[in-house]
Amino acid sequence: MLSEKTLSKIRGLGLGVHGYLSVCAIVQEAIDESRPAKQTTCFALILPGDWPADYRELFWEKYPNKKSKKEAMKALDKVAYSGRTRWTDLIGAVKRYIVSRDVQRGFVKHPATWLNAECWKDQEQTTPWLVERPKSFIDAV
């Protein structure tokens, strides 16, 4: 936006309405061009080659807790476009998580939490807990 001082100088040139508007547009364009381009702090918007195009649907279909999809997709996009995690590593970890002790006991993290905490890098205990059946009175004696 041009300052009031600059606008009054342009008006003082006596160019008429059309000339005045043309000069304002030219000056504003020059100002806009001189500003540095906005730099994005995001990651490159190129999906790594090993990630399938429908990775969002595939992840959502596989993950056991279907909560807060918007946040989950945002977190998944962050993981995908960072380029630091292979798709096979992530989806393999989801499969291991599904059979983990916590999930088997009913404690399933929200998908966004799991992704933001980089839980696919965790060492999960995949061996199921042995649930001991209650002993009968005869066995107890």
Protein backbone atom coordinates (compact mmCIF):
# COMPACT_ATOMS: atom_id res chain seq x y z
CA MET A 1 0.00 0.00 0.00
CA LEU A 2 1.33 3.42 -0.91
CA SER A 3 1.78 5.99 1.81
CA GLU A 4 -0.34 9.13 1.88
CA LYS A 5 2.78 11.23 1.23
CA THR A 6 3.53 9.28 -1.97
CA LEU A 7 -0.09 9.52 -3.10
CA SER A 8 -0.13 13.31 -2.66
CA LYS A 9 3.08 13.65 -4.71
CA ILE A 10 1.51 11.63 -7.51
CA ARG A 11 -1.67 13.75 -7.36
CA GLY A 12 0.50 16.87 -7.60
CA LEU A 13 1.76 15.81 -11.01
CA GLY A 14 -1.59 16.77 -12.54
CA LEU A 15 -2.02 13.58 -14.53
CA GLY A 16 -5.76 13.30 -14.25
CA VAL A 17 -7.68 10.34 -12.83
CA HIS A 18 -6.49 7.72 -15.34
CA GLY A 19 -2.88 8.82 -15.19
CA TYR A 20 -3.01 8.92 -11.40
CA LEU A 21 -4.40 5.35 -11.20
CA SER A 22 -1.85 4.09 -13.74
CA VAL A 23 1.08 5.56 -11.83
CA CYS A 24 -0.26 4.14 -8.53
CA ALA A 25 -0.54 0.68 -10.08
CA ILE A 26 2.98 0.84 -11.52
CA VAL A 27 4.51 2.01 -8.24
CA GLN A 28 2.62 -0.61 -6.23
CA GLU A 29 3.75 -3.33 -8.64
CA ALA A 30 7.37 -2.20 -8.27
CA ILE A 31 7.05 -2.30 -4.47
CA ASP A 32 5.56 -5.80 -4.56
CA GLU A 33 8.31 -7.05 -6.88
CA SER A 34 11.05 -5.66 -4.65
CA ARG A 35 9.82 -7.59 -1.62
CA PRO A 36 11.49 -10.95 -1.07
CA ALA A 37 9.35 -13.93 -1.91
CA LYS A 38 7.73 -15.55 1.08
CA GLN A 39 9.77 -18.51 2.10
CA THR A 40 7.90 -21.54 3.22
CA THR A 41 9.20 -23.37 6.24
CA CYS A 42 7.34 -26.47 5.16
CA PHE A 43 8.96 -29.48 3.66
CA ALA A 44 9.22 -30.15 -0.04
CA LEU A 45 5.85 -31.02 -1.51
CA ILE A 46 7.20 -34.07 -3.26
CA LEU A 47 5.97 -37.41 -2.02
CA PRO A 48 8.86 -39.87 -1.63
CA GLY A 49 8.89 -42.56 -4.31
CA ASP A 50 8.17 -45.48 -2.01
CA TRP A 51 4.96 -43.89 -0.66
CA PRO A 52 1.81 -44.85 -2.59
CA ALA A 53 -0.41 -42.08 -3.90
CA ASP A 54 -3.29 -43.30 -1.72
CA TYR A 55 -1.17 -43.55 1.45
CA ARG A 56 -3.77 -41.65 3.49
CA GLU A 57 -6.53 -44.15 2.78
CA LEU A 58 -4.22 -47.12 3.28
CA PHE A 59 -3.02 -45.84 6.65
CA TRP A 60 -6.54 -45.00 7.87
CA GLU A 61 -7.81 -48.40 6.79
CA LYS A 62 -5.04 -50.19 8.68
CA TYR A 63 -4.81 -48.12 11.90
CA PRO A 64 -6.96 -49.62 14.69
CA ASN A 65 -8.28 -46.40 16.27
CA LYS A 66 -10.42 -44.28 13.96
CA LYS A 67 -10.37 -41.00 15.92
CA SER A 68 -9.55 -37.40 14.92
CA LYS A 69 -9.03 -38.11 11.24
CA LYS A 70 -8.20 -34.50 10.33
CA GLU A 71 -5.36 -34.33 12.86
CA ALA A 72 -4.19 -37.82 11.89
CA MET A 73 -3.98 -36.90 8.20
CA LYS A 74 -2.09 -33.71 9.02
CA ALA A 75 0.43 -35.69 11.07
CA LEU A 76 0.67 -38.37 8.38
CA ASP A 77 1.34 -35.75 5.69
CA LYS A 78 4.09 -34.32 7.86
CA VAL A 79 5.71 -37.75 8.13
CA ALA A 80 5.26 -38.49 4.43
CA TYR A 81 6.62 -35.24 3.04
CA SER A 82 9.53 -35.02 5.45
CA GLY A 83 11.13 -37.83 3.44
CA ARG A 84 12.74 -39.36 6.53
CA THR A 85 10.49 -42.42 6.86
CA ARG A 86 9.90 -45.16 4.36
CA TRP A 87 6.31 -46.26 3.76
CA THR A 88 7.17 -49.90 4.38
CA ASP A 89 8.69 -49.02 7.76
CA LEU A 90 5.64 -47.04 8.82
CA ILE A 91 2.98 -49.52 7.72
CA GLY A 92 5.03 -52.43 9.08
CA ALA A 93 5.13 -50.68 12.44
CA VAL A 94 1.34 -50.20 12.32
CA LYS A 95 0.94 -53.94 11.78
CA ARG A 96 3.23 -54.66 14.75
CA TYR A 97 1.37 -52.10 16.87
CA ILE A 98 -1.96 -53.80 16.18
CA VAL A 99 -0.72 -57.00 17.82
CA SER A 100 1.15 -55.24 20.64
CA ARG A 101 0.31 -55.81 24.29
CA ASP A 102 -1.16 -52.35 24.74
CA VAL A 103 -3.54 -52.70 21.82
CA GLN A 104 -4.51 -56.21 22.84
CA ARG A 105 -5.40 -54.85 26.28
CA GLY A 106 -7.49 -52.08 24.67
CA PHE A 107 -5.09 -49.13 25.04
CA VAL A 108 -4.83 -47.73 21.53
CA LYS A 109 -3.29 -44.31 20.92
CA HIS A 110 -5.03 -41.84 18.66
CA PRO A 111 -3.39 -42.01 15.24
CA ALA A 112 -2.14 -38.39 15.37
CA THR A 113 -0.54 -39.06 18.75
CA TRP A 114 1.09 -42.22 17.44
CA LEU A 115 2.44 -40.38 14.39
CA ASN A 116 3.56 -37.18 16.14
CA ALA A 117 5.43 -39.19 18.78
CA GLU A 118 7.11 -41.23 16.02
CA CYS A 119 5.93 -44.42 17.70
CA TRP A 120 6.77 -46.47 14.63
CA LYS A 121 10.36 -46.26 15.90
CA ASP A 122 9.45 -47.82 19.26
CA GLN A 123 10.36 -51.35 20.21
CA GLU A 124 6.94 -52.85 20.80
CA GLN A 125 6.31 -56.03 22.74
CA THR A 126 4.42 -58.14 20.24
CA THR A 127 4.14 -61.28 22.32
CA PRO A 128 0.64 -61.48 23.76
CA TRP A 129 0.22 -61.61 27.49
CA LEU A 130 -0.61 -65.00 28.78
CA VAL A 131 -3.89 -64.64 30.53
CA GLU A 132 -4.05 -67.13 33.31
CA ARG A 133 -7.43 -68.69 33.73
CA PRO A 134 -8.83 -68.59 37.23
CA LYS A 135 -8.14 -71.78 39.07
CA SER A 136 -10.99 -73.94 40.10
CA PHE A 137 -11.47 -74.76 43.74
CA ILE A 138 -10.10 -78.23 43.16
CA ASP A 139 -6.94 -76.91 41.44
CA ALA A 140 -6.38 -74.43 44.25
CA VAL A 141 -6.46 -77.12 46.91
